[in-house]
């Protein structure tokens, strides 16, 4: 498929996880994809993980697109401004912006009230989750709106409806995820004036590199984790979220989604794409109707 041939995308925060999955699927659809992050082959971030943005760019190119890695700390305004200037000089356009910057896995503390949670870690989490998105939008959206049809995707955890009624771990994490959903809606108000759109998008229970490592499994052996966490049966690969973004970007009627809070499983039902194993997980419906309802793990009718 080359449905995005000639399109230029920026996936901010594409070192691993959903960002990498999104970048690869945009590449598979033929796009030129700029991928950013702080971990390169010559310099590691505080994560000290093996995945790099160069590796992501190579995967994009191998999938059929053109991957371009640009090391970027999205809290560094000058670095983000330089990144966008590079895209403008090379292409004169930006068709898709995906704000997937996160970096909070090492910072949040489970089930801690605000007075119990480490304050510096909590505030750092908010800067990484919220400020990075706003800084990137500030510099990148003027290029996105230079042509009608541009798409901004704010990646978060949980839909607006789910987050409105469920407390997410602690006040810092909770605020971060609610804020990104709201950003998608807020940006949509401004972008629609220019014939562009913004949405927020959540993966389901994603089998990221870090999640697989948490359960001591691989993508090939992930079902072994069900012995520890049976509800992991509803999980999905990062590429599933990538296919959701690629489908949105290729939809000529995508403006109908402007301002919406969406999930990968929801869009799979609309656009008819599957995960890599041929299944179609609907994680957030499962989480509400089975996991949160206290029912035994059973994905029948949910994937």
Protein backbone atom coordinates (compact mmCIF):
# COMPACT_ATOMS: atom_id res chain seq x y z
CA UNK A 1 0.00 0.00 0.00
CA UNK A 2 1.29 3.46 -0.91
CA UNK A 3 -1.72 5.46 0.19
CA UNK A 4 0.52 8.05 1.86
CA UNK A 5 3.06 8.37 -0.95
CA UNK A 6 4.30 11.97 -1.06
CA UNK A 7 3.15 12.68 2.51
CA UNK A 8 5.50 13.84 5.24
CA UNK A 9 5.01 12.81 8.86
CA UNK A 10 6.73 13.63 12.14
CA UNK A 11 6.40 11.06 14.91
CA UNK A 12 7.70 12.79 18.02
CA UNK A 13 8.75 10.17 20.53
CA UNK A 14 9.37 7.22 18.18
CA UNK A 15 12.22 5.41 19.89
CA UNK A 16 10.05 2.48 20.98
CA UNK A 17 6.49 1.47 21.82
CA UNK A 18 3.54 3.13 20.13
CA UNK A 19 5.73 5.77 18.49
CA UNK A 20 7.80 3.15 16.73
CA UNK A 21 4.71 1.19 15.69
CA UNK A 22 3.10 4.32 14.28
CA UNK A 23 6.23 5.35 12.40
CA UNK A 24 6.61 1.93 10.79
CA UNK A 25 2.99 1.76 9.66
CA UNK A 26 3.14 5.27 8.20
CA UNK A 27 6.24 4.11 6.35
CA UNK A 28 4.45 0.99 5.15
CA UNK A 29 1.85 3.30 3.60
CA UNK A 30 4.61 5.12 1.70
CA UNK A 31 5.19 8.22 3.82
CA UNK A 32 8.43 10.00 4.60
CA UNK A 33 8.63 9.78 8.38
CA UNK A 34 10.79 11.86 10.68
CA UNK A 35 11.34 10.02 13.94
CA UNK A 36 12.62 11.70 17.08
CA UNK A 37 13.71 10.78 20.56
CA UNK A 38 16.59 11.07 22.98
CA UNK A 39 18.16 7.63 22.57
CA UNK A 40 20.58 7.21 19.69
CA UNK A 41 23.34 4.74 18.92
CA UNK A 42 25.85 7.16 20.39
CA UNK A 43 23.89 8.55 23.33
CA UNK A 44 21.42 6.97 25.76
CA UNK A 45 18.67 8.68 27.72
CA UNK A 46 18.01 8.02 31.39
CA UNK A 47 16.01 4.98 30.29
CA UNK A 48 19.24 3.14 29.45
CA UNK A 49 17.35 1.02 26.92
CA UNK A 50 18.68 -0.56 23.72
CA UNK A 51 16.10 0.82 21.28
CA UNK A 52 17.25 3.82 19.21
CA UNK A 53 15.69 6.28 16.80
CA UNK A 54 18.11 5.15 14.08
CA UNK A 55 16.70 1.65 14.41
CA UNK A 56 13.18 3.01 14.11
CA UNK A 57 14.11 4.96 10.96
CA UNK A 58 15.58 1.82 9.42
CA UNK A 59 12.38 -0.09 10.17
CA UNK A 60 10.36 2.67 8.49
CA UNK A 61 12.50 2.43 5.37
CA UNK A 62 12.37 -1.38 5.36
CA UNK A 63 8.57 -1.17 5.51
CA UNK A 64 8.49 0.87 2.30
CA UNK A 65 8.73 4.47 3.43
CA UNK A 66 11.61 6.83 4.07
CA UNK A 67 12.74 6.99 7.68
CA UNK A 68 14.75 9.96 8.93
CA UNK A 69 16.06 10.00 12.50
CA UNK A 70 16.62 13.35 14.20
CA UNK A 71 17.80 13.29 17.84
CA UNK A 72 15.51 15.67 19.71
CA UNK A 73 14.76 16.50 23.31
CA UNK A 74 11.24 17.90 23.03
CA UNK A 75 11.70 20.00 26.16
CA UNK A 76 14.45 21.87 24.31
CA UNK A 77 12.64 24.60 22.39
CA UNK A 78 15.61 25.41 20.16
CA UNK A 79 16.00 21.74 19.23
CA UNK A 80 12.34 21.41 18.27
CA UNK A 81 12.44 24.64 16.29
CA UNK A 82 15.51 23.34 14.42
CA UNK A 83 13.77 20.02 13.73
CA UNK A 84 10.78 21.74 12.14
CA UNK A 85 13.06 24.04 10.14
CA UNK A 86 14.82 20.95 8.77
CA UNK A 87 11.49 19.45 7.65
CA UNK A 88 10.39 22.75 6.11
CA UNK A 89 13.64 23.17 4.19
CA UNK A 90 13.60 19.61 2.86
CA UNK A 91 9.90 19.26 2.01
CA UNK A 92 7.98 22.50 2.55
CA UNK A 93 5.15 20.52 4.10
CA UNK A 94 4.07 18.47 7.10
CA UNK A 95 0.98 16.33 6.64
CA UNK A 96 0.90 14.30 9.86
CA UNK A 97 2.17 15.21 13.33
CA UNK A 98 2.05 12.51 15.99
CA UNK A 99 2.78 13.70 19.53
CA UNK A 100 3.75 10.46 21.27
CA UNK A 101 6.34 11.89 23.66
CA UNK A 102 6.07 10.34 27.12
CA UNK A 103 9.07 9.26 29.19
CA UNK A 104 7.27 8.82 32.49
CA UNK A 105 7.61 5.08 33.16
CA UNK A 106 10.50 5.57 35.57
CA UNK A 107 8.85 8.47 37.36
CA UNK A 108 5.34 7.53 38.45
CA UNK A 109 4.61 5.75 41.72
CA UNK A 110 1.62 3.43 41.97
CA UNK A 111 -1.35 4.39 44.12
CA UNK A 112 0.31 7.33 45.83
CA UNK A 113 -1.56 10.44 46.93
CA UNK A 114 0.01 13.75 45.92
CA UNK A 115 1.56 14.21 49.38
CA UNK A 116 3.09 10.72 49.23
CA UNK A 117 4.43 10.82 45.66
CA UNK A 118 7.93 12.13 45.04
CA UNK A 119 7.28 15.74 44.04
CA UNK A 120 10.25 16.21 41.73
CA UNK A 121 9.44 13.02 39.86
CA UNK A 122 5.79 13.99 39.56
CA UNK A 123 6.55 17.43 38.18
CA UNK A 124 9.14 16.00 35.80
CA UNK A 125 6.51 13.51 34.58
CA UNK A 126 4.12 16.37 33.80
CA UNK A 127 6.81 18.27 31.91
CA UNK A 128 7.62 15.21 29.80
CA UNK A 129 3.98 14.36 29.17
CA UNK A 130 2.45 17.81 28.68
CA UNK A 131 5.08 20.49 28.03
CA UNK A 132 6.76 18.41 25.31
CA UNK A 133 3.50 18.13 23.39
CA UNK A 134 2.79 21.85 23.63
CA UNK A 135 6.32 22.83 22.61
CA UNK A 136 6.19 20.52 19.60
CA UNK A 137 2.76 21.76 18.58
CA UNK A 138 3.90 25.38 18.89
CA UNK A 139 6.68 24.95 16.36
CA UNK A 140 5.24 22.23 14.09
CA UNK A 141 1.62 23.28 13.62
CA UNK A 142 2.40 26.39 11.52
CA UNK A 143 3.91 24.03 8.95
CA UNK A 144 1.04 21.55 9.27
CA UNK A 145 -1.60 24.20 8.55
CA UNK A 146 0.23 25.49 5.47
CA UNK A 147 -1.79 22.92 3.50
CA UNK A 148 -5.36 21.79 4.23
CA UNK A 149 -5.98 18.29 5.47
CA UNK A 150 -3.16 18.12 8.02
CA UNK A 151 -3.62 15.66 10.87
CA UNK A 152 -2.43 16.01 14.48
CA UNK A 153 -2.60 12.90 16.67
CA UNK A 154 -2.12 13.29 20.42
CA UNK A 155 -1.24 9.86 21.83
CA UNK A 156 -2.33 9.16 25.39
CA UNK A 157 -3.55 6.35 27.67
CA UNK A 158 -7.30 5.96 27.92
CA UNK A 159 -10.17 7.64 26.14
CA UNK A 160 -11.73 10.83 27.40
CA UNK A 161 -14.80 8.89 28.53
CA UNK A 162 -12.75 6.30 30.43
CA UNK A 163 -10.42 8.80 32.07
CA UNK A 164 -13.34 11.00 33.13
CA UNK A 165 -14.62 8.30 35.52
CA UNK A 166 -11.49 6.33 36.42
CA UNK A 167 -8.62 7.43 38.67
CA UNK A 168 -5.33 6.65 36.88
CA UNK A 169 -2.65 5.54 39.39
CA UNK A 170 -1.87 8.88 41.04
CA UNK A 171 -2.61 12.61 40.54
CA UNK A 172 0.43 13.23 38.32
CA UNK A 173 -0.21 10.33 35.94
CA UNK A 174 -3.95 10.99 36.00
CA UNK A 175 -3.49 14.65 35.09
CA UNK A 176 -0.97 13.85 32.36
CA UNK A 177 -3.31 11.49 30.53
CA UNK A 178 -6.41 13.66 30.92
CA UNK A 179 -4.43 16.70 29.74
CA UNK A 180 -3.30 15.04 26.52
CA UNK A 181 -6.86 14.01 25.70
CA UNK A 182 -7.96 17.59 26.27
CA UNK A 183 -5.09 18.85 24.10
CA UNK A 184 -6.41 16.87 21.17
CA UNK A 185 -9.79 18.55 21.60
CA UNK A 186 -8.30 22.01 22.18
CA UNK A 187 -6.06 21.89 19.11
CA UNK A 188 -9.02 20.76 17.02
CA UNK A 189 -10.74 24.08 17.67
CA UNK A 190 -7.83 25.99 16.15
CA UNK A 191 -6.93 23.56 13.37
CA UNK A 192 -10.41 23.32 11.88
CA UNK A 193 -10.15 27.00 10.91
CA UNK A 194 -7.34 25.95 8.56
CA UNK A 195 -8.98 22.83 7.15
CA UNK A 196 -6.93 20.56 9.42
CA UNK A 197 -7.86 18.32 12.32
CA UNK A 198 -6.68 16.98 15.67
CA UNK A 199 -7.64 13.88 17.63
CA UNK A 200 -6.41 12.09 20.71
CA UNK A 201 -5.69 8.39 20.36
CA UNK A 202 -5.08 5.64 22.88
CA UNK A 203 -3.66 2.18 22.29
CA UNK A 204 -5.20 -0.70 24.19
CA UNK A 205 -3.07 -2.85 26.47
CA UNK A 206 0.04 -2.61 24.36
CA UNK A 207 2.81 -5.17 24.10
CA UNK A 208 5.58 -2.61 24.07
CA UNK A 209 9.21 -3.59 24.56
CA UNK A 210 9.01 -2.52 28.19
CA UNK A 211 5.74 -4.37 28.83
CA UNK A 212 7.09 -7.60 27.37
CA UNK A 213 10.18 -7.22 29.51
CA UNK A 214 8.01 -6.62 32.58
CA UNK A 215 6.37 -10.01 32.07
CA UNK A 216 9.68 -11.68 31.06
CA UNK A 217 8.28 -12.71 27.67
CA UNK A 218 8.90 -11.88 24.01
CA UNK A 219 6.50 -11.06 21.22
CA UNK A 220 6.68 -14.72 20.22
CA UNK A 221 6.01 -16.02 23.75
CA UNK A 222 3.73 -13.27 25.06
CA UNK A 223 0.91 -15.68 25.90
CA UNK A 224 3.11 -17.15 28.64
CA UNK A 225 2.32 -13.97 30.58
CA UNK A 226 -1.32 -15.02 30.89
CA UNK A 227 -0.36 -17.29 33.76
CA UNK A 228 0.54 -14.16 35.72
CA UNK A 229 -2.03 -11.74 34.24
CA UNK A 230 -4.92 -13.45 32.42
CA UNK A 231 -6.34 -10.15 31.13
CA UNK A 232 -3.15 -9.65 29.12
CA UNK A 233 -4.96 -11.84 26.58
CA UNK A 234 -6.53 -8.68 25.15
CA UNK A 235 -3.15 -7.05 24.49
CA UNK A 236 -2.05 -5.72 21.11
CA UNK A 237 1.17 -4.86 19.31
CA UNK A 238 2.37 -1.27 18.82
CA UNK A 239 1.79 -1.75 15.10
CA UNK A 240 -1.96 -1.97 15.75
CA UNK A 241 -1.94 1.64 16.92
CA UNK A 242 0.23 2.44 13.91
CA UNK A 243 -2.40 1.03 11.59
CA UNK A 244 -5.00 3.20 13.28
CA UNK A 245 -2.95 6.33 12.55
CA UNK A 246 -2.20 5.26 8.97
CA UNK A 247 -5.90 4.62 8.36
CA UNK A 248 -6.81 8.04 9.73
CA UNK A 249 -4.16 9.76 7.62
CA UNK A 250 -5.35 8.00 4.46
CA UNK A 251 -9.05 8.66 5.01
CA UNK A 252 -10.24 11.47 2.69
CA UNK A 253 -13.13 12.03 5.10
CA UNK A 254 -10.92 12.18 8.23
CA UNK A 255 -12.24 15.63 9.17
CA UNK A 256 -15.30 13.85 10.60
CA UNK A 257 -13.10 12.79 13.53
CA UNK A 258 -11.95 16.30 14.44
CA UNK A 259 -11.75 16.73 18.22
CA UNK A 260 -12.65 13.12 18.98
CA UNK A 261 -11.02 10.84 21.55
CA UNK A 262 -10.35 7.55 19.76
CA UNK A 263 -8.89 4.13 20.47
CA UNK A 264 -7.01 1.69 18.25
CA UNK A 265 -9.71 -0.94 18.71
CA UNK A 266 -12.48 1.50 17.86
CA UNK A 267 -10.80 2.56 14.62
CA UNK A 268 -10.11 -1.06 13.68
CA UNK A 269 -13.86 -1.66 13.71
CA UNK A 270 -14.41 1.32 11.43
CA UNK A 271 -11.52 0.87 9.00
CA UNK A 272 -11.31 -2.92 9.03
CA UNK A 273 -7.62 -3.41 9.84
CA UNK A 274 -6.20 -6.19 12.02
CA UNK A 275 -3.22 -6.61 14.29
CA UNK A 276 -0.15 -8.49 13.05
CA UNK A 277 -1.61 -11.84 14.12
CA UNK A 278 -4.82 -11.28 12.15
CA UNK A 279 -6.94 -10.57 15.25
CA UNK A 280 -8.81 -7.36 15.99
CA UNK A 281 -8.61 -6.60 19.73
CA UNK A 282 -11.09 -4.14 21.21
CA UNK A 283 -9.20 -3.52 24.44
CA UNK A 284 -11.06 -0.61 25.99
CA UNK A 285 -14.46 -2.24 25.62
CA UNK A 286 -12.94 -5.36 27.18
CA UNK A 287 -11.37 -3.40 30.03
CA UNK A 288 -14.71 -1.82 30.94
CA UNK A 289 -16.95 -4.84 30.39
CA UNK A 290 -14.68 -7.64 31.61
CA UNK A 291 -11.57 -6.54 33.51
CA UNK A 292 -12.99 -3.62 35.51
CA UNK A 293 -16.26 -5.49 35.98
CA UNK A 294 -14.39 -8.25 37.81
CA UNK A 295 -15.28 -10.96 35.32
CA UNK A 296 -12.92 -13.84 34.49
CA UNK A 297 -10.57 -13.21 31.59
CA UNK A 298 -12.24 -14.21 28.33
CA UNK A 299 -11.56 -12.38 25.08
CA UNK A 300 -14.36 -14.10 23.18
CA UNK A 301 -16.11 -11.37 21.20
CA UNK A 302 -13.39 -8.85 21.98
CA UNK A 303 -10.63 -9.84 19.51
